[in-house]
Amino acid sequence: MKWLLDSRHGWRKVLQRLCLAVTVTMFAMQLIVDPANATSVFEVSRPPYGTWVIDRAEILSRTNEGKITTQLEELAQTGNEVHLVTIRRLDYGETIQGFTDKLFEQWFPTPEAQANQTLLVIDNLTNNTAIRTGEQVKSVLSDAIAESVVQETVLIPLKEGNKYNQALLAASDRLTAVLSGEPDPGPPQVKDTVRVEGTFATPEQTKSSNATVWVVGFLVVATVVPMATYYLYLFLQSR
């Protein structure tokens, strides 16, 4: 009996060490995966002329990306150019506006190059969006309208259920209209069922889908593996 108790006590230590090893491994893998998914400014090279959409987050359908590209290509004939960029997540400590400003200045390093440019960036981890415009653009697209594009035209469809295609199509429509000299169509109407209480993502929205997968995987491993090993041990002891 004493031998059996000692064995079970020893087995508990083995299980504890196994759980600790699994925990450390999963945590280490999370630290490796998260930075790998982040996007730095230097990873987004300036596209060749005629490329108006860079969908690194892969949130646009090919059909809608084609529609936006055609629309912005036609707009470029007026001298005003708009670029839309989507990314999966930002580097630690980076803000969406800071990222957008740095990318804008990296692509267009001089005031002359910036003059007729508009850059809109969305981070689909937090759904935060930012815009940067050149000085010449501001005479047509005021800062107030630009801010409304980000905080209403884009944000409202996202708060209705991450409707990225609708959001970016609407942003392209509105920017194209204003920069073409047409009246501002304004932001989309807010449905009664939609609550737009703020412009920042909640803590729940900022959690990565990859992190969720890893947490679920850890829970499964931490629960199933020790149990399976324990029952295997009991089975072998009974033989």
Protein backbone atom coordinates (compact mmCIF):
# COMPACT_ATOMS: atom_id res chain seq x y z
CA MET A 1 0.00 0.00 0.00
CA LYS A 2 2.83 2.37 0.94
CA TRP A 3 4.47 1.63 -2.41
CA LEU A 4 1.23 2.49 -4.21
CA LEU A 5 0.85 5.76 -2.28
CA ASP A 6 4.46 6.66 -3.00
CA SER A 7 3.91 5.88 -6.67
CA ARG A 8 0.82 8.05 -6.84
CA HIS A 9 2.63 10.86 -5.06
CA GLY A 10 5.48 10.56 -7.52
CA TRP A 11 3.04 10.50 -10.40
CA ARG A 12 1.45 13.73 -9.19
CA LYS A 13 4.86 15.37 -9.35
CA VAL A 14 5.29 14.09 -12.90
CA LEU A 15 1.88 15.51 -13.87
CA GLN A 16 2.69 18.86 -12.24
CA ARG A 17 5.96 19.06 -14.11
CA LEU A 18 4.23 18.09 -17.35
CA CYS A 19 1.62 20.83 -16.90
CA LEU A 20 4.34 23.35 -16.10
CA ALA A 21 6.29 22.33 -19.19
CA VAL A 22 3.18 22.67 -21.37
CA THR A 23 2.42 26.09 -19.88
CA VAL A 24 5.95 27.38 -20.46
CA THR A 25 6.00 25.99 -23.99
CA MET A 26 2.67 27.56 -24.95
CA PHE A 27 3.68 30.90 -23.45
CA ALA A 28 6.98 30.86 -25.32
CA MET A 29 5.24 30.00 -28.58
CA GLN A 30 2.79 32.87 -28.04
CA LEU A 31 5.68 35.30 -27.60
CA ILE A 32 7.15 34.08 -30.88
CA VAL A 33 3.93 34.08 -32.90
CA ASP A 34 2.61 37.52 -31.89
CA PRO A 35 5.61 39.57 -33.07
CA ALA A 36 5.69 37.55 -36.28
CA ASN A 37 2.17 38.72 -37.12
CA ALA A 38 2.92 42.39 -36.48
CA THR A 39 3.58 44.75 -39.37
CA SER A 40 6.30 47.38 -39.28
CA VAL A 41 6.43 50.42 -41.53
CA PHE A 42 9.54 49.14 -43.26
CA GLU A 43 7.74 45.98 -44.38
CA VAL A 44 5.25 47.95 -46.47
CA SER A 45 7.20 49.12 -49.47
CA ARG A 46 5.79 51.83 -51.70
CA PRO A 47 3.81 50.04 -54.42
CA PRO A 48 4.37 50.68 -58.11
CA TYR A 49 2.17 53.31 -59.71
CA GLY A 50 -1.31 51.98 -60.32
CA THR A 51 -1.46 49.92 -57.13
CA TRP A 52 -3.95 51.71 -54.92
CA VAL A 53 -4.88 48.94 -52.49
CA ILE A 54 -2.48 46.92 -50.35
CA ASP A 55 -4.54 44.33 -48.49
CA ARG A 56 -1.97 42.72 -46.20
CA ALA A 57 -4.71 41.68 -43.77
CA GLU A 58 -6.60 39.92 -46.58
CA ILE A 59 -9.95 41.34 -45.53
CA LEU A 60 -11.19 42.41 -48.96
CA SER A 61 -12.77 40.15 -51.55
CA ARG A 62 -11.11 40.17 -54.96
CA THR A 63 -14.25 41.63 -56.52
CA ASN A 64 -14.40 44.57 -54.14
CA GLU A 65 -10.66 45.15 -54.26
CA GLY A 66 -11.04 45.37 -58.04
CA LYS A 67 -13.89 47.86 -57.72
CA ILE A 68 -11.89 50.09 -55.38
CA THR A 69 -8.81 49.87 -57.59
CA THR A 70 -10.78 50.92 -60.67
CA GLN A 71 -12.39 53.80 -58.80
CA LEU A 72 -9.09 55.10 -57.42
CA GLU A 73 -7.40 54.67 -60.79
CA GLU A 74 -10.00 56.98 -62.34
CA LEU A 75 -9.57 59.43 -59.47
CA ALA A 76 -5.82 59.53 -60.06
CA GLN A 77 -6.49 61.07 -63.49
CA THR A 78 -7.58 64.23 -61.65
CA GLY A 79 -4.19 64.46 -59.95
CA ASN A 80 -5.39 63.26 -56.55
CA GLU A 81 -4.16 59.84 -55.45
CA VAL A 82 -5.61 57.70 -52.66
CA HIS A 83 -3.95 54.60 -51.20
CA LEU A 84 -5.71 52.11 -48.91
CA VAL A 85 -3.61 49.80 -46.73
CA THR A 86 -4.80 47.02 -44.42
CA ILE A 87 -2.56 45.30 -41.88
CA ARG A 88 -3.17 42.51 -39.37
CA ARG A 89 -1.68 44.18 -36.30
CA LEU A 90 0.77 46.85 -35.23
CA ASP A 91 4.13 46.46 -33.57
CA TYR A 92 4.06 46.71 -29.78
CA GLY A 93 3.80 50.33 -28.66
CA GLU A 94 2.86 51.61 -32.12
CA THR A 95 -0.35 53.57 -32.75
CA ILE A 96 -2.37 53.47 -35.95
CA GLN A 97 -1.91 57.21 -36.52
CA GLY A 98 1.81 56.97 -35.85
CA PHE A 99 2.11 54.06 -38.28
CA THR A 100 0.12 55.94 -40.93
CA ASP A 101 2.20 59.11 -40.57
CA LYS A 102 5.48 57.19 -40.81
CA LEU A 103 4.32 55.22 -43.83
CA PHE A 104 3.09 58.38 -45.55
CA GLU A 105 6.43 60.10 -45.02
CA GLN A 106 8.33 56.98 -46.08
CA TRP A 107 6.42 56.73 -49.36
CA PHE A 108 6.34 60.46 -49.99
CA PRO A 109 9.41 62.02 -48.36
CA THR A 110 9.04 65.61 -49.62
CA PRO A 111 6.21 68.16 -49.33
CA GLU A 112 5.96 68.20 -53.12
CA ALA A 113 5.50 64.42 -53.27
CA GLN A 114 2.96 64.52 -50.42
CA ALA A 115 0.86 67.38 -51.79
CA ASN A 116 -1.84 65.40 -53.65
CA GLN A 117 -1.63 62.16 -51.69
CA THR A 118 -4.10 60.54 -49.28
CA LEU A 119 -3.27 57.43 -47.26
CA LEU A 120 -5.83 55.47 -45.24
CA VAL A 121 -4.69 52.55 -43.05
CA ILE A 122 -6.74 50.05 -41.06
CA ASP A 123 -5.48 47.57 -38.47
CA ASN A 124 -7.97 44.70 -38.43
CA LEU A 125 -6.90 43.42 -35.00
CA THR A 126 -8.34 46.49 -33.26
CA ASN A 127 -10.32 47.95 -36.20
CA ASN A 128 -8.54 51.25 -35.57
CA THR A 129 -8.15 53.39 -38.66
CA ALA A 130 -6.14 56.51 -39.51
CA ILE A 131 -5.76 58.86 -42.46
CA ARG A 132 -3.06 61.25 -43.61
CA THR A 133 -3.40 63.80 -46.39
CA GLY A 134 -1.07 66.16 -48.24
CA GLU A 135 -1.35 69.93 -47.97
CA GLN A 136 -2.88 70.35 -51.44
CA VAL A 137 -5.51 67.73 -50.64
CA LYS A 138 -6.62 69.67 -47.56
CA SER A 139 -7.99 72.44 -49.75
CA VAL A 140 -10.62 69.97 -51.01
CA LEU A 141 -10.74 67.29 -48.32
CA SER A 142 -10.88 69.14 -45.02
CA ASP A 143 -9.49 67.62 -41.84
CA ALA A 144 -13.05 67.40 -40.51
CA ILE A 145 -14.24 65.32 -43.47
CA ALA A 146 -11.09 63.17 -43.34
CA GLU A 147 -11.73 62.47 -39.65
CA SER A 148 -15.38 61.65 -40.40
CA VAL A 149 -14.27 59.17 -43.06
CA VAL A 150 -12.17 57.36 -40.46
CA GLN A 151 -14.49 57.57 -37.47
CA GLU A 152 -17.84 57.17 -39.22
CA THR A 153 -17.64 55.95 -42.81
CA VAL A 154 -15.21 53.17 -41.87
CA LEU A 155 -16.07 52.60 -38.22
CA ILE A 156 -19.85 52.26 -38.46
CA PRO A 157 -19.82 49.19 -40.76
CA LEU A 158 -17.11 47.63 -38.60
CA LYS A 159 -19.21 48.08 -35.47
CA GLU A 160 -22.10 46.43 -37.29
CA GLY A 161 -20.07 43.24 -37.55
CA ASN A 162 -16.60 43.71 -39.07
CA LYS A 163 -17.99 44.55 -42.50
CA TYR A 164 -14.61 45.38 -44.00
CA ASN A 165 -15.69 45.27 -47.62
CA GLN A 166 -18.59 47.63 -46.97
CA ALA A 167 -16.42 49.95 -44.89
CA LEU A 168 -13.64 50.31 -47.44
CA LEU A 169 -16.00 50.56 -50.40
CA ALA A 170 -17.85 53.36 -48.61
CA ALA A 171 -14.56 55.11 -47.75
CA SER A 172 -13.43 54.88 -51.37
CA ASP A 173 -16.78 56.24 -52.60
CA ARG A 174 -16.70 59.18 -50.23
CA LEU A 175 -13.05 60.08 -50.79
CA THR A 176 -13.48 59.83 -54.55
CA ALA A 177 -16.55 62.06 -54.51
CA VAL A 178 -14.96 64.79 -52.40
CA LEU A 179 -11.60 64.74 -54.19
CA SER A 180 -13.39 64.91 -57.54
CA GLY A 181 -15.05 68.15 -56.49
CA GLU A 182 -18.48 66.64 -55.88
CA PRO A 183 -20.58 67.31 -52.76
CA ASP A 184 -19.65 65.27 -49.72
CA PRO A 185 -22.14 62.37 -49.48
CA GLY A 186 -21.51 62.23 -45.75
CA PRO A 187 -21.19 59.22 -43.46
CA PRO A 188 -23.57 56.25 -43.52
CA GLN A 189 -26.73 56.40 -41.46
CA VAL A 190 -26.50 54.75 -38.07
CA LYS A 191 -29.13 52.10 -37.49
CA ASP A 192 -31.04 52.16 -34.21
CA THR A 193 -29.62 48.77 -33.30
CA VAL A 194 -26.03 49.95 -33.68
CA ARG A 195 -24.34 51.55 -30.72
CA VAL A 196 -21.48 53.83 -31.71
CA GLU A 197 -20.29 54.99 -28.31
CA GLY A 198 -16.61 55.50 -28.96
CA THR A 199 -13.87 55.44 -31.51
CA PHE A 200 -11.58 52.99 -29.77
CA ALA A 201 -11.73 49.23 -29.64
CA THR A 202 -12.73 47.58 -26.38
CA PRO A 203 -10.27 45.29 -24.59
CA GLU A 204 -12.23 42.32 -25.93
CA GLN A 205 -11.81 43.58 -29.51
CA THR A 206 -8.07 43.99 -29.10
CA LYS A 207 -7.52 40.31 -28.39
CA SER A 208 -5.94 38.52 -31.32
CA SER A 209 -7.73 35.61 -32.89
CA ASN A 210 -4.37 33.83 -32.88
CA ALA A 211 -4.10 34.34 -29.13
CA THR A 212 -7.55 32.80 -28.69
CA VAL A 213 -6.54 29.75 -30.69
CA TRP A 214 -3.42 29.30 -28.59
CA VAL A 215 -5.32 29.66 -25.32
CA VAL A 216 -7.90 27.08 -26.40
CA GLY A 217 -5.14 24.77 -27.58
CA PHE A 218 -3.32 25.15 -24.28
CA LEU A 219 -6.44 24.33 -22.28
CA VAL A 220 -7.05 21.22 -24.37
CA VAL A 221 -3.46 20.04 -24.05
CA ALA A 222 -3.24 20.88 -20.34
CA THR A 223 -6.45 18.95 -19.65
CA VAL A 224 -6.40 16.01 -22.04
CA VAL A 225 -2.71 15.03 -21.97
CA PRO A 226 -2.38 14.67 -18.15
CA MET A 227 -5.68 12.77 -17.91
CA ALA A 228 -4.78 10.43 -20.75
CA THR A 229 -1.34 9.81 -19.28
CA TYR A 230 -2.78 9.19 -15.81
CA TYR A 231 -5.33 6.67 -17.04
CA LEU A 232 -2.61 4.96 -19.09
CA TYR A 233 -0.55 4.70 -15.91
CA LEU A 234 -3.46 3.16 -13.98
CA PHE A 235 -4.09 0.74 -16.82
CA LEU A 236 -0.47 -0.41 -16.85
CA GLN A 237 -0.46 -0.75 -13.05
CA SER A 238 -3.53 -2.97 -13.13
CA ARG A 239 -1.96 -5.41 -15.54
